């Protein structure tokens, strides 16, 4: 499959974020709002590990991956990785902090409590906090 065929599977496709290796789109798929992530380095072992971990767990506050795979992008003449996952409305923690916002004590407690709950679930499954941190901050 190529990147055009991939995007044609969706309706209402809108680019919402672009980072170093990743472009994130908001789209409609099977009557659901999803996030479509296109990652330029299809062989990055850290990204592949992250996908494998998230596919196999169901934890609140981490979007479920619906599908992932590779698609050919003719504009760069190579394969890219794509991830279709649940769309969570709102701003990422990284963007919120980069906008100059700061936590009050109650908010800090809530975020830390959530991170600890997720960490416990990942540790039970034998995974690392490093993976979790990358997921939450992007």
N, C-alpha and C. Protein backbone atom coordinates (compact mmCIF):
# COMPACT_ATOMS: atom_id res chain seq x y z
N UNK A 1 0.85 -1.17 0.00
CA UNK A 1 0.00 0.00 0.00
C UNK A 1 0.90 1.24 0.00
N UNK A 2 0.44 2.27 -0.70
CA UNK A 2 1.19 3.52 -0.64
C UNK A 2 0.45 4.52 0.24
N UNK A 3 1.10 5.63 0.52
CA UNK A 3 0.59 6.62 1.48
C UNK A 3 -0.73 7.23 0.99
N UNK A 4 -0.90 7.38 -0.32
CA UNK A 4 -2.14 7.94 -0.87
C UNK A 4 -3.29 6.97 -0.64
N UNK A 5 -3.05 5.68 -0.90
CA UNK A 5 -4.09 4.67 -0.64
C UNK A 5 -4.46 4.64 0.84
N UNK A 6 -3.45 4.77 1.69
CA UNK A 6 -3.70 4.78 3.14
C UNK A 6 -4.61 5.95 3.51
N UNK A 7 -4.25 7.15 3.10
CA UNK A 7 -5.04 8.33 3.45
C UNK A 7 -6.45 8.29 2.84
N UNK A 8 -6.60 7.64 1.69
CA UNK A 8 -7.91 7.55 1.06
C UNK A 8 -8.88 6.64 1.83
N UNK A 9 -8.38 5.89 2.79
CA UNK A 9 -9.25 5.06 3.63
C UNK A 9 -10.04 5.90 4.63
N UNK A 10 -9.67 7.17 4.78
CA UNK A 10 -10.25 8.03 5.80
C UNK A 10 -11.01 9.19 5.16
N UNK A 11 -11.87 9.82 5.96
CA UNK A 11 -12.52 11.05 5.55
C UNK A 11 -12.14 12.13 6.55
N UNK A 12 -12.38 13.37 6.16
CA UNK A 12 -12.11 14.52 7.03
C UNK A 12 -10.68 14.52 7.58
N UNK A 13 -9.70 14.24 6.73
CA UNK A 13 -8.31 14.17 7.16
C UNK A 13 -7.75 15.58 7.32
N UNK A 14 -7.25 15.88 8.53
CA UNK A 14 -6.66 17.20 8.81
C UNK A 14 -5.34 17.01 9.55
N UNK A 15 -4.28 17.65 9.04
CA UNK A 15 -3.01 17.60 9.76
C UNK A 15 -3.14 18.44 11.02
N UNK A 16 -2.78 17.85 12.18
CA UNK A 16 -2.89 18.59 13.43
C UNK A 16 -1.55 18.83 14.11
N UNK A 17 -0.52 18.09 13.71
CA UNK A 17 0.77 18.29 14.35
C UNK A 17 1.88 17.71 13.49
N UNK A 18 3.02 18.38 13.51
CA UNK A 18 4.20 17.86 12.83
C UNK A 18 5.38 18.00 13.77
N UNK A 19 6.07 16.88 13.98
CA UNK A 19 7.26 16.88 14.83
C UNK A 19 8.46 16.44 14.02
N UNK A 20 9.52 16.08 14.68
CA UNK A 20 10.76 15.69 14.01
C UNK A 20 10.58 14.57 13.00
N UNK A 21 10.08 13.42 13.44
CA UNK A 21 9.90 12.28 12.55
C UNK A 21 8.43 11.94 12.33
N UNK A 22 7.52 12.70 12.91
CA UNK A 22 6.12 12.28 12.93
C UNK A 22 5.19 13.39 12.47
N UNK A 23 4.20 13.00 11.67
CA UNK A 23 3.09 13.88 11.31
C UNK A 23 1.83 13.21 11.85
N UNK A 24 0.99 14.00 12.51
CA UNK A 24 -0.24 13.46 13.10
C UNK A 24 -1.44 14.10 12.41
N UNK A 25 -2.36 13.25 11.97
CA UNK A 25 -3.59 13.69 11.34
C UNK A 25 -4.77 13.28 12.21
N UNK A 26 -5.80 14.08 12.18
CA UNK A 26 -7.09 13.73 12.78
C UNK A 26 -7.98 13.36 11.60
N UNK A 27 -8.69 12.23 11.71
CA UNK A 27 -9.51 11.78 10.59
C UNK A 27 -10.69 10.96 11.10
N UNK A 28 -11.57 10.62 10.17
CA UNK A 28 -12.69 9.74 10.49
C UNK A 28 -12.46 8.41 9.80
N UNK A 29 -12.70 7.34 10.57
CA UNK A 29 -12.46 5.97 10.11
C UNK A 29 -13.52 5.08 10.74
N UNK A 30 -14.33 4.42 9.92
CA UNK A 30 -15.42 3.58 10.44
C UNK A 30 -16.29 4.34 11.43
N UNK A 31 -16.65 5.57 11.08
CA UNK A 31 -17.52 6.42 11.91
C UNK A 31 -16.91 6.79 13.26
N UNK A 32 -15.61 6.67 13.39
CA UNK A 32 -14.92 7.07 14.63
C UNK A 32 -13.84 8.08 14.30
N UNK A 33 -13.60 9.00 15.22
CA UNK A 33 -12.49 9.93 15.07
C UNK A 33 -11.23 9.22 15.52
N UNK A 34 -10.21 9.27 14.67
CA UNK A 34 -8.95 8.57 14.97
C UNK A 34 -7.78 9.54 14.79
N UNK A 35 -6.63 9.12 15.29
CA UNK A 35 -5.37 9.80 15.00
C UNK A 35 -4.60 8.90 14.05
N UNK A 36 -4.13 9.46 12.96
CA UNK A 36 -3.28 8.75 12.02
C UNK A 36 -1.89 9.35 12.15
N UNK A 37 -0.94 8.54 12.58
CA UNK A 37 0.43 9.01 12.74
C UNK A 37 1.29 8.40 11.64
N UNK A 38 2.03 9.26 10.96
CA UNK A 38 2.96 8.84 9.92
C UNK A 38 4.37 9.11 10.44
N UNK A 39 5.17 8.07 10.53
CA UNK A 39 6.51 8.18 11.10
C UNK A 39 7.52 7.88 10.00
N UNK A 40 8.44 8.82 9.78
CA UNK A 40 9.34 8.71 8.63
C UNK A 40 10.34 7.56 8.73
N UNK A 41 10.80 7.22 9.92
CA UNK A 41 11.78 6.15 10.06
C UNK A 41 11.05 4.85 10.40
N UNK A 42 10.76 4.06 9.37
CA UNK A 42 9.96 2.84 9.55
C UNK A 42 10.73 1.72 10.24
N UNK A 43 12.01 1.91 10.48
CA UNK A 43 12.79 0.83 11.09
C UNK A 43 13.34 1.20 12.47
N UNK A 44 12.92 2.32 13.04
CA UNK A 44 13.40 2.74 14.35
C UNK A 44 12.96 1.71 15.39
N UNK A 45 13.92 1.00 16.02
CA UNK A 45 13.55 -0.06 16.96
C UNK A 45 12.78 0.45 18.18
N UNK A 46 13.05 1.68 18.60
CA UNK A 46 12.32 2.23 19.76
C UNK A 46 10.84 2.43 19.43
N UNK A 47 10.58 2.93 18.23
CA UNK A 47 9.19 3.15 17.81
C UNK A 47 8.48 1.81 17.66
N UNK A 48 9.14 0.84 17.05
CA UNK A 48 8.54 -0.48 16.87
C UNK A 48 8.25 -1.14 18.22
N UNK A 49 9.15 -0.95 19.19
CA UNK A 49 8.93 -1.48 20.54
C UNK A 49 7.74 -0.80 21.20
N UNK A 50 7.65 0.52 21.05
CA UNK A 50 6.54 1.28 21.62
C UNK A 50 5.20 0.78 21.07
N UNK A 51 5.15 0.57 19.76
CA UNK A 51 3.92 0.08 19.12
C UNK A 51 3.57 -1.30 19.65
N UNK A 52 4.55 -2.16 19.75
CA UNK A 52 4.31 -3.52 20.25
C UNK A 52 3.75 -3.50 21.67
N UNK A 53 4.31 -2.64 22.52
CA UNK A 53 3.86 -2.55 23.90
C UNK A 53 2.42 -2.04 23.95
N UNK A 54 2.14 -0.96 23.25
CA UNK A 54 0.81 -0.34 23.32
C UNK A 54 -0.25 -1.26 22.70
N UNK A 55 0.09 -1.99 21.65
CA UNK A 55 -0.88 -2.90 21.04
C UNK A 55 -1.33 -3.99 22.02
N UNK A 56 -0.46 -4.35 22.93
CA UNK A 56 -0.73 -5.48 23.80
C UNK A 56 -1.22 -5.11 25.19
N UNK A 57 -1.49 -3.85 25.42
CA UNK A 57 -2.00 -3.44 26.73
C UNK A 57 -3.22 -2.56 26.56
N UNK A 58 -4.03 -2.55 27.56
CA UNK A 58 -5.19 -1.65 27.60
C UNK A 58 -5.12 -0.91 28.92
N UNK A 59 -4.64 0.33 28.86
CA UNK A 59 -4.49 1.15 30.06
C UNK A 59 -5.20 2.47 29.82
N UNK A 60 -5.96 2.91 30.80
CA UNK A 60 -6.59 4.23 30.70
C UNK A 60 -5.51 5.27 30.44
N UNK A 61 -5.84 6.30 29.70
CA UNK A 61 -4.95 7.43 29.40
C UNK A 61 -3.93 7.13 28.32
N UNK A 62 -3.93 5.93 27.76
CA UNK A 62 -3.07 5.62 26.62
C UNK A 62 -3.99 5.17 25.50
N UNK A 63 -3.99 5.88 24.37
CA UNK A 63 -4.91 5.51 23.28
C UNK A 63 -4.61 4.11 22.73
N UNK A 64 -5.66 3.37 22.43
CA UNK A 64 -5.50 2.04 21.84
C UNK A 64 -5.11 2.15 20.38
N UNK A 65 -4.19 1.30 19.97
CA UNK A 65 -3.80 1.24 18.56
C UNK A 65 -4.78 0.32 17.84
N UNK A 66 -5.37 0.85 16.79
CA UNK A 66 -6.33 0.11 15.99
C UNK A 66 -5.60 -0.72 14.94
N UNK A 67 -4.58 -0.12 14.35
CA UNK A 67 -3.83 -0.77 13.28
C UNK A 67 -2.49 -0.07 13.12
N UNK A 68 -1.50 -0.81 12.66
CA UNK A 68 -0.22 -0.19 12.31
C UNK A 68 0.39 -0.99 11.17
N UNK A 69 1.32 -0.36 10.46
CA UNK A 69 1.96 -1.04 9.35
C UNK A 69 2.89 -0.10 8.60
N UNK A 70 3.28 -0.51 7.41
CA UNK A 70 4.15 0.32 6.58
C UNK A 70 3.43 0.67 5.29
N UNK A 71 3.73 1.86 4.78
CA UNK A 71 3.17 2.33 3.52
C UNK A 71 4.28 3.03 2.74
N UNK A 72 4.24 2.91 1.44
CA UNK A 72 5.27 3.53 0.61
C UNK A 72 4.94 4.99 0.36
N UNK A 73 5.91 5.86 0.60
CA UNK A 73 5.75 7.30 0.37
C UNK A 73 6.64 7.69 -0.81
N UNK A 74 6.02 7.89 -1.96
CA UNK A 74 6.77 8.21 -3.18
C UNK A 74 7.51 9.54 -3.08
N UNK A 75 7.02 10.46 -2.24
CA UNK A 75 7.66 11.77 -2.14
C UNK A 75 9.06 11.68 -1.53
N UNK A 76 9.32 10.65 -0.75
CA UNK A 76 10.65 10.46 -0.17
C UNK A 76 11.29 9.15 -0.64
N UNK A 77 10.57 8.42 -1.49
CA UNK A 77 11.06 7.18 -2.10
C UNK A 77 11.44 6.12 -1.06
N UNK A 78 10.61 6.00 -0.02
CA UNK A 78 10.85 4.94 0.97
C UNK A 78 9.57 4.65 1.75
N UNK A 79 9.64 3.59 2.51
CA UNK A 79 8.49 3.21 3.33
C UNK A 79 8.47 4.01 4.63
N UNK A 80 7.27 4.33 5.06
CA UNK A 80 7.05 5.00 6.34
C UNK A 80 6.19 4.08 7.20
N UNK A 81 6.21 4.33 8.47
CA UNK A 81 5.39 3.59 9.41
C UNK A 81 4.11 4.38 9.66
N UNK A 82 2.99 3.71 9.75
CA UNK A 82 1.75 4.41 10.11
C UNK A 82 1.12 3.73 11.33
N UNK A 83 0.45 4.53 12.12
CA UNK A 83 -0.28 4.05 13.28
C UNK A 83 -1.66 4.69 13.24
N UNK A 84 -2.68 3.86 13.35
CA UNK A 84 -4.05 4.35 13.48
C UNK A 84 -4.44 4.07 14.93
N UNK A 85 -4.77 5.12 15.67
CA UNK A 85 -5.13 4.92 17.07
C UNK A 85 -6.32 5.78 17.46
N UNK A 86 -6.88 5.46 18.62
CA UNK A 86 -7.97 6.26 19.14
C UNK A 86 -7.53 7.72 19.22
N UNK A 87 -8.46 8.61 18.93
CA UNK A 87 -8.16 10.03 19.04
C UNK A 87 -8.64 10.53 20.39
N UNK A 88 -7.77 11.20 21.10
CA UNK A 88 -8.13 11.80 22.38
C UNK A 88 -8.11 13.30 22.20
N UNK A 89 -9.27 13.92 22.42
CA UNK A 89 -9.41 15.36 22.25
C UNK A 89 -8.59 16.07 23.32
N UNK A 90 -7.92 17.14 22.93
CA UNK A 90 -7.20 17.95 23.90
C UNK A 90 -5.77 18.22 23.46
N UNK A 91 -5.03 18.83 24.35
CA UNK A 91 -3.65 19.22 24.09
C UNK A 91 -2.72 18.23 24.78
N UNK A 92 -1.58 17.95 24.15
CA UNK A 92 -0.62 17.05 24.77
C UNK A 92 0.03 17.75 25.96
N UNK A 93 0.52 16.97 26.87
CA UNK A 93 1.21 17.52 28.04
C UNK A 93 2.40 18.37 27.60
N UNK A 94 3.15 17.90 26.62
CA UNK A 94 4.31 18.65 26.12
C UNK A 94 3.88 20.02 25.59
N UNK A 95 2.83 20.04 24.76
CA UNK A 95 2.36 21.31 24.20
C UNK A 95 1.84 22.24 25.29
N UNK A 96 1.14 21.68 26.26
CA UNK A 96 0.60 22.48 27.36
C UNK A 96 1.74 23.14 28.15
N UNK A 97 2.78 22.38 28.45
CA UNK A 97 3.93 22.93 29.18
C UNK A 97 4.71 23.94 28.33
N UNK A 98 4.87 23.62 27.03
CA UNK A 98 5.60 24.53 26.15
C UNK A 98 4.88 25.85 25.93
N UNK A 99 3.58 25.89 26.22
CA UNK A 99 2.80 27.12 26.11
C UNK A 99 2.99 28.03 27.32
N UNK A 100 3.85 27.62 28.24
CA UNK A 100 4.12 28.44 29.42
C UNK A 100 3.26 28.11 30.62
N UNK A 101 2.41 27.10 30.50
CA UNK A 101 1.57 26.71 31.64
C UNK A 101 2.40 26.01 32.71
N UNK A 102 1.94 26.13 33.91
CA UNK A 102 2.59 25.47 35.04
C UNK A 102 1.53 24.79 35.89
N UNK A 103 1.92 23.74 36.58
CA UNK A 103 1.01 23.01 37.44
C UNK A 103 0.84 23.70 38.78
N UNK A 104 -0.39 23.69 39.28
CA UNK A 104 -0.55 23.99 40.70
C UNK A 104 -0.42 22.64 41.41
N UNK A 105 -0.44 22.64 42.72
CA UNK A 105 -0.20 21.41 43.48
C UNK A 105 -1.22 20.32 43.15
N UNK A 106 -2.48 20.68 43.03
CA UNK A 106 -3.53 19.71 42.76
C UNK A 106 -3.33 19.06 41.38
N UNK A 107 -3.01 19.89 40.37
CA UNK A 107 -2.79 19.36 39.02
C UNK A 107 -1.56 18.46 38.98
N UNK A 108 -0.50 18.88 39.65
CA UNK A 108 0.72 18.08 39.69
C UNK A 108 0.44 16.72 40.32
N UNK A 109 -0.33 16.72 41.40
CA UNK A 109 -0.68 15.46 42.06
C UNK A 109 -1.46 14.56 41.10
N UNK A 110 -2.42 15.12 40.38
CA UNK A 110 -3.23 14.34 39.45
C UNK A 110 -2.40 13.71 38.34
N UNK A 111 -1.49 14.50 37.76
CA UNK A 111 -0.64 13.98 36.69
C UNK A 111 0.30 12.91 37.24
N UNK A 112 0.94 13.17 38.37
CA UNK A 112 1.86 12.19 38.94
C UNK A 112 1.13 10.91 39.33
N UNK A 113 -0.06 11.04 39.88
CA UNK A 113 -0.85 9.86 40.25
C UNK A 113 -1.17 9.01 39.02
N UNK A 114 -1.56 9.65 37.93
CA UNK A 114 -1.86 8.94 36.69
C UNK A 114 -0.61 8.25 36.16
N UNK A 115 0.52 8.97 36.15
CA UNK A 115 1.77 8.39 35.66
C UNK A 115 2.19 7.18 36.51
N UNK A 116 2.00 7.26 37.80
CA UNK A 116 2.35 6.14 38.67
C UNK A 116 1.45 4.94 38.38
N UNK A 117 0.15 5.18 38.21
CA UNK A 117 -0.77 4.09 37.89
C UNK A 117 -0.36 3.39 36.59
N UNK A 118 -0.01 4.19 35.59
CA UNK A 118 0.41 3.62 34.30
C UNK A 118 1.74 2.88 34.47
N UNK A 119 2.66 3.46 35.21
CA UNK A 119 3.96 2.82 35.46
C UNK A 119 3.78 1.46 36.11
N UNK A 120 2.90 1.38 37.09
CA UNK A 120 2.66 0.10 37.77
C UNK A 120 2.15 -0.94 36.76
N UNK A 121 1.21 -0.55 35.92
CA UNK A 121 0.69 -1.48 34.90
C UNK A 121 1.79 -1.92 33.94
N UNK A 122 2.64 -1.00 33.52
CA UNK A 122 3.73 -1.36 32.60
C UNK A 122 4.75 -2.26 33.28
N UNK A 123 5.07 -1.98 34.53
CA UNK A 123 6.03 -2.81 35.25
C UNK A 123 5.49 -4.22 35.46
N UNK A 124 4.18 -4.33 35.73
CA UNK A 124 3.57 -5.65 35.87
C UNK A 124 3.75 -6.45 34.59
N UNK A 125 3.68 -5.76 33.47
CA UNK A 125 3.84 -6.42 32.17
C UNK A 125 5.31 -6.52 31.74
N UNK A 126 6.23 -6.01 32.55
CA UNK A 126 7.65 -6.11 32.24
C UNK A 126 8.16 -5.09 31.26
N UNK A 127 7.50 -3.93 31.16
CA UNK A 127 7.93 -2.87 30.25
C UNK A 127 8.60 -1.74 31.02
N UNK A 128 9.09 -0.74 30.29
CA UNK A 128 9.89 0.31 30.90
C UNK A 128 9.19 1.67 30.88
N UNK A 129 9.48 2.48 31.89
CA UNK A 129 8.93 3.84 31.98
C UNK A 129 9.38 4.70 30.81
N UNK A 130 10.52 4.39 30.22
CA UNK A 130 11.02 5.15 29.07
C UNK A 130 10.02 5.11 27.92
N UNK A 131 9.40 3.96 27.69
CA UNK A 131 8.41 3.82 26.64
C UNK A 131 7.21 4.69 26.96
N UNK A 132 6.75 4.61 28.18
CA UNK A 132 5.60 5.39 28.63
C UNK A 132 5.84 6.88 28.45
N UNK A 133 7.00 7.35 28.82
CA UNK A 133 7.31 8.77 28.73
C UNK A 133 7.21 9.26 27.30
N UNK A 134 7.74 8.49 26.34
CA UNK A 134 7.66 8.90 24.93
C UNK A 134 6.22 8.93 24.45
N UNK A 135 5.39 7.98 24.91
CA UNK A 135 3.99 7.92 24.48
C UNK A 135 3.24 9.14 24.99
N UNK A 136 3.37 9.43 26.25
CA UNK A 136 2.58 10.51 26.87
C UNK A 136 3.01 11.88 26.37
N UNK A 137 4.29 12.11 26.19
CA UNK A 137 4.75 13.45 25.84
C UNK A 137 4.60 13.79 24.38
N UNK A 138 4.23 12.85 23.52
CA UNK A 138 3.95 13.21 22.13
C UNK A 138 2.58 12.82 21.83
